[in-house]
Amino acid sequence: MGTLNLDGAELAYLSACTTGAPGGTFLTTGESLADESIQLASAFLVAGYRHVIATLWPVKDSMAARFAEYFYTEAVSVGTDPAFALHQAARRIRDSYPSFPSIWASHIHTGP
């Protein structure tokens, strides 16, 4: 175990593509680890963060920015729990693109 002290770490928002995808990938070789249970999002949980927001597949920058805007408006301005804030953000985007779940279902929450 490292000496990094993350006591009080509450939220990691990992907006990059596939940060929550299962199996992980070696970036240098492109080799997939189909039986690997840890990915970037779960590594943040193991490191001590209580809530982690991540994506399951590649997302367009414009949609990632909109998701973040809606999420942080709900989580910070309103004071909503991160899991519910993400749900609200996904619903807002789903309302605009109901026939395209690849746009609004990409983000996930892990944590309590």
PDB file of N, CA and C in Angstrom:
ATOM      1  N   MET A   1       0.839  -1.176   0.000  1.00  0.00           N
ATOM      2  CA  MET A   1       0.000   0.000   0.000  1.00  0.00           C
ATOM      3  C   MET A   1       0.878   1.231   0.000  1.00  0.00           C
ATOM      4  N   GLY A   2       0.533   2.211  -0.786  1.00  0.00           N
ATOM      5  CA  GLY A   2       1.297   3.448  -0.877  1.00  0.00           C
ATOM      6  C   GLY A   2       1.092   4.339   0.327  1.00  0.00           C
ATOM      7  N   THR A   3       1.780   5.433   0.348  1.00  0.00           N
ATOM      8  CA  THR A   3       1.669   6.372   1.454  1.00  0.00           C
ATOM      9  C   THR A   3       0.705   7.513   1.163  1.00  0.00           C
ATOM     10  N   LEU A   4       0.037   7.468   0.034  1.00  0.00           N
ATOM     11  CA  LEU A   4      -0.920   8.500  -0.321  1.00  0.00           C
ATOM     12  C   LEU A   4      -2.087   8.471   0.646  1.00  0.00           C
ATOM     13  N   ASN A   5      -2.396   9.619   1.243  1.00  0.00           N
ATOM     14  CA  ASN A   5      -3.494   9.705   2.200  1.00  0.00           C
ATOM     15  C   ASN A   5      -4.669  10.418   1.543  1.00  0.00           C
ATOM     16  N   LEU A   6      -5.717   9.682   1.260  1.00  0.00           N
ATOM     17  CA  LEU A   6      -6.895  10.249   0.608  1.00  0.00           C
ATOM     18  C   LEU A   6      -8.087  10.325   1.551  1.00  0.00           C
ATOM     19  N   ASP A   7      -7.824  10.444   2.860  1.00  0.00           N
ATOM     20  CA  ASP A   7      -8.930  10.599   3.800  1.00  0.00           C
ATOM     21  C   ASP A   7      -9.760  11.810   3.398  1.00  0.00           C
ATOM     22  N   GLY A   8     -11.030  11.624   3.301  1.00  0.00           N
ATOM     23  CA  GLY A   8     -11.922  12.713   2.938  1.00  0.00           C
ATOM     24  C   GLY A   8     -12.117  12.879   1.441  1.00  0.00           C
ATOM     25  N   ALA A   9     -11.475  12.038   0.628  1.00  0.00           N
ATOM     26  CA  ALA A   9     -11.682  12.125  -0.824  1.00  0.00           C
ATOM     27  C   ALA A   9     -13.111  11.688  -1.121  1.00  0.00           C
ATOM     28  N   GLU A  10     -13.886  12.567  -1.691  1.00  0.00           N
ATOM     29  CA  GLU A  10     -15.297  12.282  -1.914  1.00  0.00           C
ATOM     30  C   GLU A  10     -15.627  11.878  -3.336  1.00  0.00           C
ATOM     31  N   LEU A  11     -15.165  12.651  -4.321  1.00  0.00           N
ATOM     32  CA  LEU A  11     -15.655  12.461  -5.679  1.00  0.00           C
ATOM     33  C   LEU A  11     -14.526  12.534  -6.693  1.00  0.00           C
ATOM     34  N   ALA A  12     -14.473  11.525  -7.554  1.00  0.00           N
ATOM     35  CA  ALA A  12     -13.594  11.555  -8.728  1.00  0.00           C
ATOM     36  C   ALA A  12     -14.515  11.510  -9.939  1.00  0.00           C
ATOM     37  N   TYR A  13     -14.407  12.510 -10.796  1.00  0.00           N
ATOM     38  CA  TYR A  13     -15.223  12.579 -12.005  1.00  0.00           C
ATOM     39  C   TYR A  13     -14.294  12.316 -13.184  1.00  0.00           C
ATOM     40  N   LEU A  14     -14.366  11.102 -13.731  1.00  0.00           N
ATOM     41  CA  LEU A  14     -13.469  10.659 -14.796  1.00  0.00           C
ATOM     42  C   LEU A  14     -14.219  10.728 -16.120  1.00  0.00           C
ATOM     43  N   SER A  15     -14.077  11.838 -16.793  1.00  0.00           N
ATOM     44  CA  SER A  15     -14.867  12.088 -17.988  1.00  0.00           C
ATOM     45  C   SER A  15     -14.250  11.507 -19.255  1.00  0.00           C
ATOM     46  N   ALA A  16     -13.034  11.026 -19.190  1.00  0.00           N
ATOM     47  CA  ALA A  16     -12.384  10.467 -20.375  1.00  0.00           C
ATOM     48  C   ALA A  16     -13.083   9.183 -20.823  1.00  0.00           C
ATOM     49  N   CYS A  17     -12.898   8.823 -22.049  1.00  0.00           N
ATOM     50  CA  CYS A  17     -13.565   7.654 -22.631  1.00  0.00           C
ATOM     51  C   CYS A  17     -13.156   6.352 -21.952  1.00  0.00           C
ATOM     52  N   THR A  18     -14.138   5.513 -21.691  1.00  0.00           N
ATOM     53  CA  THR A  18     -14.015   4.145 -21.166  1.00  0.00           C
ATOM     54  C   THR A  18     -13.311   4.045 -19.822  1.00  0.00           C
ATOM     55  N   THR A  19     -13.395   5.066 -18.972  1.00  0.00           N
ATOM     56  CA  THR A  19     -12.751   5.010 -17.654  1.00  0.00           C
ATOM     57  C   THR A  19     -13.456   4.040 -16.720  1.00  0.00           C
ATOM     58  N   GLY A  20     -14.675   3.648 -17.046  1.00  0.00           N
ATOM     59  CA  GLY A  20     -15.399   2.685 -16.233  1.00  0.00           C
ATOM     60  C   GLY A  20     -15.611   1.361 -16.931  1.00  0.00           C
ATOM     61  N   ALA A  21     -14.991   1.187 -18.088  1.00  0.00           N
ATOM     62  CA  ALA A  21     -15.188  -0.037 -18.863  1.00  0.00           C
ATOM     63  C   ALA A  21     -14.523  -1.228 -18.188  1.00  0.00           C
ATOM     64  N   PRO A  22     -15.212  -2.344 -18.127  1.00  0.00           N
ATOM     65  CA  PRO A  22     -14.614  -3.547 -17.539  1.00  0.00           C
ATOM     66  C   PRO A  22     -13.506  -4.107 -18.418  1.00  0.00           C
ATOM     67  N   GLY A  23     -12.588  -4.790 -17.804  1.00  0.00           N
ATOM     68  CA  GLY A  23     -11.538  -5.476 -18.560  1.00  0.00           C
ATOM     69  C   GLY A  23     -10.261  -4.707 -18.704  1.00  0.00           C
ATOM     70  N   GLY A  24     -10.301  -3.415 -18.582  1.00  0.00           N
ATOM     71  CA  GLY A  24      -9.072  -2.626 -18.696  1.00  0.00           C
ATOM     72  C   GLY A  24      -8.363  -2.858 -20.017  1.00  0.00           C
ATOM     73  N   THR A  25      -7.451  -2.016 -20.355  1.00  0.00           N
ATOM     74  CA  THR A  25      -6.685  -2.148 -21.582  1.00  0.00           C
ATOM     75  C   THR A  25      -5.276  -1.658 -21.343  1.00  0.00           C
ATOM     76  N   PHE A  26      -4.312  -2.392 -21.834  1.00  0.00           N
ATOM     77  CA  PHE A  26      -2.943  -1.898 -21.806  1.00  0.00           C
ATOM     78  C   PHE A  26      -2.821  -0.847 -22.893  1.00  0.00           C
ATOM     79  N   LEU A  27      -2.527   0.373 -22.514  1.00  0.00           N
ATOM     80  CA  LEU A  27      -2.473   1.450 -23.491  1.00  0.00           C
ATOM     81  C   LEU A  27      -1.352   1.271 -24.507  1.00  0.00           C
ATOM     82  N   THR A  28      -0.257   0.675 -24.101  1.00  0.00           N
ATOM     83  CA  THR A  28       0.873   0.561 -25.019  1.00  0.00           C
ATOM     84  C   THR A  28       0.721  -0.600 -25.991  1.00  0.00           C
ATOM     85  N   THR A  29       0.063  -1.670 -25.577  1.00  0.00           N
ATOM     86  CA  THR A  29      -0.037  -2.844 -26.443  1.00  0.00           C
ATOM     87  C   THR A  29      -1.416  -3.024 -27.057  1.00  0.00           C
ATOM     88  N   GLY A  30      -2.434  -2.382 -26.456  1.00  0.00           N
ATOM     89  CA  GLY A  30      -3.792  -2.564 -26.945  1.00  0.00           C
ATOM     90  C   GLY A  30      -4.396  -3.896 -26.509  1.00  0.00           C
ATOM     91  N   GLU A  31      -3.681  -4.652 -25.700  1.00  0.00           N
ATOM     92  CA  GLU A  31      -4.166  -5.955 -25.247  1.00  0.00           C
ATOM     93  C   GLU A  31      -5.259  -5.765 -24.205  1.00  0.00           C
ATOM     94  N   SER A  32      -6.365  -6.452 -24.372  1.00  0.00           N
ATOM     95  CA  SER A  32      -7.481  -6.359 -23.445  1.00  0.00           C
ATOM     96  C   SER A  32      -7.324  -7.393 -22.334  1.00  0.00           C
ATOM     97  N   LEU A  33      -7.777  -7.037 -21.151  1.00  0.00           N
ATOM     98  CA  LEU A  33      -7.730  -7.944 -20.005  1.00  0.00           C
ATOM     99  C   LEU A  33      -9.158  -8.338 -19.639  1.00  0.00           C
ATOM    100  N   ALA A  34      -9.707  -9.275 -20.359  1.00  0.00           N
ATOM    101  CA  ALA A  34     -11.115  -9.638 -20.208  1.00  0.00           C
ATOM    102  C   ALA A  34     -11.446 -10.138 -18.808  1.00  0.00           C
ATOM    103  N   ASP A  35     -10.502 -10.737 -18.098  1.00  0.00           N
ATOM    104  CA  ASP A  35     -10.792 -11.276 -16.777  1.00  0.00           C
ATOM    105  C   ASP A  35     -10.371 -10.333 -15.651  1.00  0.00           C
ATOM    106  N   GLU A  36      -9.975  -9.134 -15.976  1.00  0.00           N
ATOM    107  CA  GLU A  36      -9.525  -8.180 -14.961  1.00  0.00           C
ATOM    108  C   GLU A  36     -10.726  -7.477 -14.346  1.00  0.00           C
ATOM    109  N   SER A  37     -10.799  -7.470 -13.022  1.00  0.00           N
ATOM    110  CA  SER A  37     -11.952  -6.868 -12.359  1.00  0.00           C
ATOM    111  C   SER A  37     -11.712  -5.424 -11.963  1.00  0.00           C
ATOM    112  N   ILE A  38     -10.507  -4.937 -12.113  1.00  0.00           N
ATOM    113  CA  ILE A  38     -10.251  -3.549 -11.764  1.00  0.00           C
ATOM    114  C   ILE A  38     -10.053  -2.724 -13.028  1.00  0.00           C
ATOM    115  N   GLN A  39     -10.644  -1.570 -13.033  1.00  0.00           N
ATOM    116  CA  GLN A  39     -10.449  -0.613 -14.113  1.00  0.00           C
ATOM    117  C   GLN A  39     -10.171   0.715 -13.437  1.00  0.00           C
ATOM    118  N   LEU A  40     -10.016   1.758 -14.209  1.00  0.00           N
ATOM    119  CA  LEU A  40      -9.638   3.043 -13.643  1.00  0.00           C
ATOM    120  C   LEU A  40     -10.624   3.505 -12.569  1.00  0.00           C
ATOM    121  N   ALA A  41     -11.911   3.389 -12.824  1.00  0.00           N
ATOM    122  CA  ALA A  41     -12.913   3.840 -11.851  1.00  0.00           C
ATOM    123  C   ALA A  41     -12.803   3.066 -10.539  1.00  0.00           C
ATOM    124  N   SER A  42     -12.677   1.757 -10.615  1.00  0.00           N
ATOM    125  CA  SER A  42     -12.584   0.984  -9.369  1.00  0.00           C
ATOM    126  C   SER A  42     -11.254   1.212  -8.662  1.00  0.00           C
ATOM    127  N   ALA A  43     -10.209   1.558  -9.404  1.00  0.00           N
ATOM    128  CA  ALA A  43      -8.930   1.899  -8.776  1.00  0.00           C
ATOM    129  C   ALA A  43      -9.081   3.146  -7.909  1.00  0.00           C
ATOM    130  N   PHE A  44      -9.883   4.109  -8.352  1.00  0.00           N
ATOM    131  CA  PHE A  44     -10.135   5.296  -7.533  1.00  0.00           C
ATOM    132  C   PHE A  44     -10.902   4.929  -6.270  1.00  0.00           C
ATOM    133  N   LEU A  45     -11.825   3.978  -6.365  1.00  0.00           N
ATOM    134  CA  LEU A  45     -12.532   3.512  -5.166  1.00  0.00           C
ATOM    135  C   LEU A  45     -11.570   2.852  -4.197  1.00  0.00           C
ATOM    136  N   VAL A  46     -10.712   1.997  -4.714  1.00  0.00           N
ATOM    137  CA  VAL A  46      -9.720   1.322  -3.876  1.00  0.00           C
ATOM    138  C   VAL A  46      -8.776   2.325  -3.230  1.00  0.00           C
ATOM    139  N   ALA A  47      -8.471   3.404  -3.948  1.00  0.00           N
ATOM    140  CA  ALA A  47      -7.568   4.435  -3.427  1.00  0.00           C
ATOM    141  C   ALA A  47      -8.213   5.271  -2.329  1.00  0.00           C
ATOM    142  N   GLY A  48      -9.540   5.216  -2.198  1.00  0.00           N
ATOM    143  CA  GLY A  48     -10.172   5.929  -1.103  1.00  0.00           C
ATOM    144  C   GLY A  48     -11.288   6.887  -1.459  1.00  0.00           C
ATOM    145  N   TYR A  49     -11.561   7.091  -2.727  1.00  0.00           N
ATOM    146  CA  TYR A  49     -12.671   7.964  -3.106  1.00  0.00           C
ATOM    147  C   TYR A  49     -13.991   7.268  -2.814  1.00  0.00           C
ATOM    148  N   ARG A  50     -14.970   8.010  -2.300  1.00  0.00           N
ATOM    149  CA  ARG A  50     -16.278   7.427  -1.994  1.00  0.00           C
ATOM    150  C   ARG A  50     -17.151   7.292  -3.238  1.00  0.00           C
ATOM    151  N   HIS A  51     -17.102   8.264  -4.128  1.00  0.00           N
ATOM    152  CA  HIS A  51     -17.934   8.277  -5.328  1.00  0.00           C
ATOM    153  C   HIS A  51     -17.042   8.453  -6.548  1.00  0.00           C
ATOM    154  N   VAL A  52     -17.325   7.676  -7.590  1.00  0.00           N
ATOM    155  CA  VAL A  52     -16.585   7.808  -8.846  1.00  0.00           C
ATOM    156  C   VAL A  52     -17.593   7.821  -9.994  1.00  0.00           C
ATOM    157  N   ILE A  53     -17.453   8.815 -10.850  1.00  0.00           N
ATOM    158  CA  ILE A  53     -18.236   8.907 -12.075  1.00  0.00           C
ATOM    159  C   ILE A  53     -17.289   8.545 -13.212  1.00  0.00           C
ATOM    160  N   ALA A  54     -17.717   7.652 -14.089  1.00  0.00           N
ATOM    161  CA  ALA A  54     -16.864   7.190 -15.184  1.00  0.00           C
ATOM    162  C   ALA A  54     -17.738   6.906 -16.405  1.00  0.00           C
ATOM    163  N   THR A  55     -17.101   6.548 -17.507  1.00  0.00           N
ATOM    164  CA  THR A  55     -17.833   6.232 -18.735  1.00  0.00           C
ATOM    165  C   THR A  55     -17.528   4.803 -19.177  1.00  0.00           C
ATOM    166  N   LEU A  56     -18.523   4.179 -19.792  1.00  0.00           N
ATOM    167  CA  LEU A  56     -18.371   2.796 -20.242  1.00  0.00           C
ATOM    168  C   LEU A  56     -17.863   2.681 -21.672  1.00  0.00           C
ATOM    169  N   TRP A  57     -17.994   3.739 -22.451  1.00  0.00           N
ATOM    170  CA  TRP A  57     -17.545   3.725 -23.843  1.00  0.00           C
ATOM    171  C   TRP A  57     -17.162   5.138 -24.246  1.00  0.00           C
ATOM    172  N   PRO A  58     -16.572   5.306 -25.420  1.00  0.00           N
ATOM    173  CA  PRO A  58     -16.192   6.644 -25.881  1.00  0.00           C
ATOM    174  C   PRO A  58     -17.407   7.570 -25.996  1.00  0.00           C
ATOM    175  N   VAL A  59     -17.206   8.805 -25.590  1.00  0.00           N
ATOM    176  CA  VAL A  59     -18.253   9.819 -25.672  1.00  0.00           C
ATOM    177  C   VAL A  59     -17.708  11.046 -26.394  1.00  0.00           C
ATOM    178  N   LYS A  60     -18.572  11.750 -27.093  1.00  0.00           N
ATOM    179  CA  LYS A  60     -18.159  12.980 -27.772  1.00  0.00           C
ATOM    180  C   LYS A  60     -17.836  14.044 -26.725  1.00  0.00           C
ATOM    181  N   ASP A  61     -16.854  14.861 -27.024  1.00  0.00           N
ATOM    182  CA  ASP A  61     -16.449  15.916 -26.098  1.00  0.00           C
ATOM    183  C   ASP A  61     -17.614  16.826 -25.733  1.00  0.00           C
ATOM    184  N   SER A  62     -18.433  17.173 -26.715  1.00  0.00           N
ATOM    185  CA  SER A  62     -19.557  18.078 -26.449  1.00  0.00           C
ATOM    186  C   SER A  62     -20.555  17.453 -25.477  1.00  0.00           C
ATOM    187  N   MET A  63     -20.796  16.153 -25.597  1.00  0.00           N
ATOM    188  CA  MET A  63     -21.717  15.478 -24.681  1.00  0.00           C
ATOM    189  C   MET A  63     -21.091  15.309 -23.300  1.00  0.00           C
ATOM    190  N   ALA A  64     -19.795  15.017 -23.269  1.00  0.00           N
ATOM    191  CA  ALA A  64     -19.110  14.895 -21.980  1.00  0.00           C
ATOM    192  C   ALA A  64     -19.153  16.223 -21.231  1.00  0.00           C
ATOM    193  N   ALA A  65     -18.969  17.317 -21.948  1.00  0.00           N
ATOM    194  CA  ALA A  65     -19.025  18.642 -21.324  1.00  0.00           C
ATOM    195  C   ALA A  65     -20.433  18.940 -20.813  1.00  0.00           C
ATOM    196  N   ARG A  66     -21.436  18.578 -21.598  1.00  0.00           N
ATOM    197  CA  ARG A  66     -22.820  18.816 -21.171  1.00  0.00           C
ATOM    198  C   ARG A  66     -23.164  17.964 -19.954  1.00  0.00           C
ATOM    199  N   PHE A  67     -22.738  16.694 -19.967  1.00  0.00           N
ATOM    200  CA  PHE A  67     -22.955  15.827 -18.820  1.00  0.00           C
ATOM    201  C   PHE A  67     -22.334  16.444 -17.572  1.00  0.00           C
ATOM    202  N   ALA A  68     -21.081  16.894 -17.690  1.00  0.00           N
ATOM    203  CA  ALA A  68     -20.389  17.485 -16.544  1.00  0.00           C
ATOM    204  C   ALA A  68     -21.118  18.732 -16.047  1.00  0.00           C
ATOM    205  N   GLU A  69     -21.551  19.568 -16.964  1.00  0.00           N
ATOM    206  CA  GLU A  69     -22.283  20.783 -16.583  1.00  0.00           C
ATOM    207  C   GLU A  69     -23.553  20.429 -15.807  1.00  0.00           C
ATOM    208  N   TYR A  70     -24.338  19.516 -16.341  1.00  0.00           N
ATOM    209  CA  TYR A  70     -25.581  19.127 -15.676  1.00  0.00           C
ATOM    210  C   TYR A  70     -25.285  18.453 -14.332  1.00  0.00           C
ATOM    211  N   PHE A  71     -24.287  17.585 -14.317  1.00  0.00           N
ATOM    212  CA  PHE A  71     -23.935  16.887 -13.086  1.00  0.00           C
ATOM    213  C   PHE A  71     -23.519  17.866 -11.996  1.00  0.00           C
ATOM    214  N   TYR A  72     -22.576  18.748 -12.316  1.00  0.00           N
ATOM    215  CA  TYR A  72     -22.074  19.668 -11.297  1.00  0.00           C
ATOM    216  C   TYR A  72     -23.115  20.696 -10.882  1.00  0.00           C
ATOM    217  N   THR A  73     -23.987  21.085 -11.783  1.00  0.00           N
ATOM    218  CA  THR A  73     -25.082  21.981 -11.397  1.00  0.00           C
ATOM    219  C   THR A  73     -25.939  21.314 -10.332  1.00  0.00           C
ATOM    220  N   GLU A  74     -26.251  20.055 -10.566  1.00  0.00           N
ATOM    221  CA  GLU A  74     -27.087  19.306  -9.618  1.00  0.00           C
ATOM    222  C   GLU A  74     -26.336  18.987  -8.328  1.00  0.00           C
ATOM    223  N   ALA A  75     -25.104  18.511  -8.444  1.00  0.00           N
ATOM    224  CA  ALA A  75     -24.350  18.059  -7.271  1.00  0.00           C
ATOM    225  C   ALA A  75     -23.870  19.214  -6.398  1.00  0.00           C
ATOM    226  N   VAL A  76     -23.407  20.291  -7.030  1.00  0.00           N
ATOM    227  CA  VAL A  76     -22.817  21.385  -6.261  1.00  0.00           C
ATOM    228  C   VAL A  76     -23.856  22.459  -5.949  1.00  0.00           C
ATOM    229  N   SER A  77     -24.517  22.964  -6.957  1.00  0.00           N
ATOM    230  CA  SER A  77     -25.468  24.057  -6.746  1.00  0.00           C
ATOM    231  C   SER A  77     -26.672  23.621  -5.914  1.00  0.00           C
ATOM    232  N   VAL A  78     -27.198  22.448  -6.228  1.00  0.00           N
ATOM    233  CA  VAL A  78     -28.377  21.964  -5.529  1.00  0.00           C
ATOM    234  C   VAL A  78     -27.991  21.146  -4.294  1.00  0.00           C
ATOM    235  N   GLY A  79     -26.805  20.537  -4.317  1.00  0.00           N
ATOM    236  CA  GLY A  79     -26.350  19.733  -3.185  1.00  0.00           C
ATOM    237  C   GLY A  79     -26.853  18.308  -3.202  1.00  0.00           C
ATOM    238  N   THR A  80     -27.117  17.786  -4.381  1.00  0.00           N
ATOM    239  CA  THR A  80     -27.643  16.437  -4.544  1.00  0.00           C
ATOM    240  C   THR A  80     -26.532  15.401  -4.403  1.00  0.00           C
ATOM    241  N   ASP A  81     -26.891  14.227  -3.916  1.00  0.00           N
ATOM    242  CA  ASP A  81     -25.980  13.088  -3.845  1.00  0.00           C
ATOM    243  C   ASP A  81     -25.413  12.808  -5.242  1.00  0.00           C
ATOM    244  N   PRO A  82     -24.122  12.456  -5.356  1.00  0.00           N
ATOM    245  CA  PRO A  82     -23.524  12.246  -6.679  1.00  0.00           C
ATOM    246  C   PRO A  82     -24.241  11.217  -7.547  1.00  0.00           C
ATOM    247  N   ALA A  83     -24.707  10.132  -6.976  1.00  0.00           N
ATOM    248  CA  ALA A  83     -25.410   9.127  -7.785  1.00  0.00           C
ATOM    249  C   ALA A  83     -26.696   9.701  -8.371  1.00  0.00           C
ATOM    250  N   PHE A  84     -27.447  10.438  -7.566  1.00  0.00           N
ATOM    251  CA  PHE A  84     -28.688  11.029  -8.054  1.00  0.00           C
ATOM    252  C   PHE A  84     -28.406  12.183  -9.010  1.00  0.00           C
ATOM    253  N   ALA A  85     -27.340  12.936  -8.760  1.00  0.00           N
ATOM    254  CA  ALA A  85     -26.961  14.023  -9.676  1.00  0.00           C
ATOM    255  C   ALA A  85     -26.645  13.463 -11.057  1.00  0.00           C
ATOM    256  N   LEU A  86     -25.954  12.321 -11.098  1.00  0.00           N
ATOM    257  CA  LEU A  86     -25.662  11.693 -12.387  1.00  0.00           C
ATOM    258  C   LEU A  86     -26.952  11.216 -13.060  1.00  0.00           C
ATOM    259  N   HIS A  87     -27.834  10.650 -12.271  1.00  0.00           N
ATOM    260  CA  HIS A  87     -29.131  10.215 -12.802  1.00  0.00           C
ATOM    261  C   HIS A  87     -29.885  11.394 -13.419  1.00  0.00           C
ATOM    262  N   GLN A  88     -29.896  12.511 -12.731  1.00  0.00           N
ATOM    263  CA  GLN A  88     -30.589  13.697 -13.240  1.00  0.00           C
ATOM    264  C   GLN A  88     -29.943  14.202 -14.531  1.00  0.00           C
ATOM    265  N   ALA A  89     -28.608  14.197 -14.580  1.00  0.00           N
ATOM    266  CA  ALA A  89     -27.907  14.623 -15.792  1.00  0.00           C
ATOM    267  C   ALA A  89     -28.260  13.700 -16.962  1.00  0.00           C
ATOM    268  N   ALA A  90     -28.256  12.403 -16.716  1.00  0.00           N
ATOM    269  CA  ALA A  90     -28.594  11.442 -17.778  1.00  0.00           C
ATOM    270  C   ALA A  90     -30.032  11.643 -18.253  1.00  0.00           C
ATOM    271  N   ARG A  91     -30.932  11.915 -17.330  1.00  0.00           N
ATOM    272  CA  ARG A  91     -32.330  12.146 -17.718  1.00  0.00           C
ATOM    273  C   ARG A  91     -32.470  13.397 -18.579  1.00  0.00           C
ATOM    274  N   ARG A  92     -31.744  14.447 -18.234  1.00  0.00           N
ATOM    275  CA  ARG A  92     -31.825  15.682 -19.028  1.00  0.00           C
ATOM    276  C   ARG A  92     -31.330  15.439 -20.454  1.00  0.00           C
ATOM    277  N   ILE A  93     -30.243  14.694 -20.577  1.00  0.00           N
ATOM    278  CA  ILE A  93     -29.723  14.419 -21.916  1.00  0.00           C
ATOM    279  C   ILE A  93     -30.630  13.427 -22.645  1.00  0.00           C
ATOM    280  N   ARG A  94     -31.157  12.460 -21.921  1.00  0.00           N
ATOM    281  CA  ARG A  94     -32.094  11.507 -22.534  1.00  0.00           C
ATOM    282  C   ARG A  94     -33.333  12.217 -23.077  1.00  0.00           C
ATOM    283  N   ASP A  95     -33.790  13.236 -22.376  1.00  0.00           N
ATOM    284  CA  ASP A  95     -34.956  13.990 -22.848  1.00  0.00           C
ATOM    285  C   ASP A  95     -34.688  14.648 -24.200  1.00  0.00           C
ATOM    286  N   SER A  96     -33.430  15.020 -24.448  1.00  0.00           N
ATOM    287  CA  SER A  96     -33.069  15.636 -25.736  1.00  0.00           C
ATOM    288  C   SER A  96     -32.796  14.604 -26.823  1.00  0.00           C
ATOM    289  N   TYR A  97     -32.344  13.418 -26.431  1.00  0.00           N
ATOM    290  CA  TYR A  97     -31.964  12.372 -27.390  1.00  0.00           C
ATOM    291  C   TYR A  97     -32.561  11.017 -26.979  1.00  0.00           C
ATOM    292  N   PRO A  98     -33.883  10.905 -26.907  1.00  0.00           N
ATOM    293  CA  PRO A  98     -34.486   9.676 -26.377  1.00  0.00           C
ATOM    294  C   PRO A  98     -34.179   8.413 -27.178  1.00  0.00           C
ATOM    295  N   SER A  99     -33.898   8.545 -28.456  1.00  0.00           N
ATOM    296  CA  SER A  99     -33.655   7.370 -29.301  1.00  0.00           C
ATOM    297  C   SER A  99     -32.182   6.983 -29.386  1.00  0.00           C
ATOM    298  N   PHE A 100     -31.331   7.656 -28.613  1.00  0.00           N
ATOM    299  CA  PHE A 100     -29.893   7.411 -28.700  1.00  0.00           C
ATOM    300  C   PHE A 100     -29.281   7.111 -27.328  1.00  0.00           C
ATOM    301  N   PRO A 101     -29.533   5.925 -26.780  1.00  0.00           N
ATOM    302  CA  PRO A 101     -28.960   5.596 -25.471  1.00  0.00           C
ATOM    303  C   PRO A 101     -27.438   5.604 -25.462  1.00  0.00           C
ATOM    304  N   SER A 102     -26.823   5.472 -26.629  1.00  0.00           N
ATOM    305  CA  SER A 102     -25.352   5.533 -26.660  1.00  0.00           C
ATOM    306  C   SER A 102     -24.855   6.904 -26.216  1.00  0.00           C
ATOM    307  N   ILE A 103     -25.715   7.908 -26.290  1.00  0.00           N
ATOM    308  CA  ILE A 103     -25.351   9.258 -25.848  1.00  0.00           C
ATOM    309  C   ILE A 103     -25.588   9.436 -24.358  1.00  0.00           C
ATOM    310  N   TRP A 104     -26.738   9.011 -23.850  1.00  0.00           N
ATOM    311  CA  TRP A 104     -27.100   9.329 -22.470  1.00  0.00           C
ATOM    312  C   TRP A 104     -26.860   8.206 -21.459  1.00  0.00           C
ATOM    313  N   ALA A 105     -26.497   7.014 -21.910  1.00  0.00           N
ATOM    314  CA  ALA A 105     -26.296   5.903 -20.967  1.00  0.00           C
ATOM    315  C   ALA A 105     -24.831   5.579 -20.727  1.00  0.00           C
ATOM    316  N   SER A 106     -23.940   6.415 -21.170  1.00  0.00           N
ATOM    317  CA  SER A 106     -22.508   6.124 -21.104  1.00  0.00           C
ATOM    318  C   SER A 106     -21.894   6.295 -19.727  1.00  0.00           C
ATOM    319  N   HIS A 107     -22.423   7.219 -18.927  1.00  0.00           N
ATOM    320  CA  HIS A 107     -21.832   7.534 -17.630  1.00  0.00           C
ATOM    321  C   HIS A 107     -22.392   6.626 -16.536  1.00  0.00           C
ATOM    322  N   ILE A 108     -21.512   6.238 -15.621  1.00  0.00           N
ATOM    323  CA  ILE A 108     -21.926   5.396 -14.491  1.00  0.00           C
ATOM    324  C   ILE A 108     -21.399   5.990 -13.189  1.00  0.00           C
ATOM    325  N   HIS A 109     -22.048   5.618 -12.113  1.00  0.00           N
ATOM    326  CA  HIS A 109     -21.601   5.982 -10.765  1.00  0.00           C
ATOM    327  C   HIS A 109     -21.210   4.704 -10.040  1.00  0.00           C
ATOM    328  N   THR A 110     -20.086   4.726  -9.361  1.00  0.00           N
ATOM    329  CA  THR A 110     -19.730   3.634  -8.464  1.00  0.00           C
ATOM    330  C   THR A 110     -19.477   4.234  -7.099  1.00  0.00           C
ATOM    331  N   GLY A 111     -19.838   3.514  -6.087  1.00  0.00           N
ATOM    332  CA  GLY A 111     -19.698   3.996  -4.722  1.00  0.00           C
ATOM    333  C   GLY A 111     -20.959   3.709  -3.929  1.00  0.00           C
ATOM    334  N   PRO A 112     -21.050   4.320  -2.750  1.00  0.00           N
ATOM    335  CA  PRO A 112     -22.209   4.014  -1.884  1.00  0.00           C
ATOM    336  C   PRO A 112     -23.521   4.559  -2.440  1.00  0.00           C
TER     337      PRO A 112
END
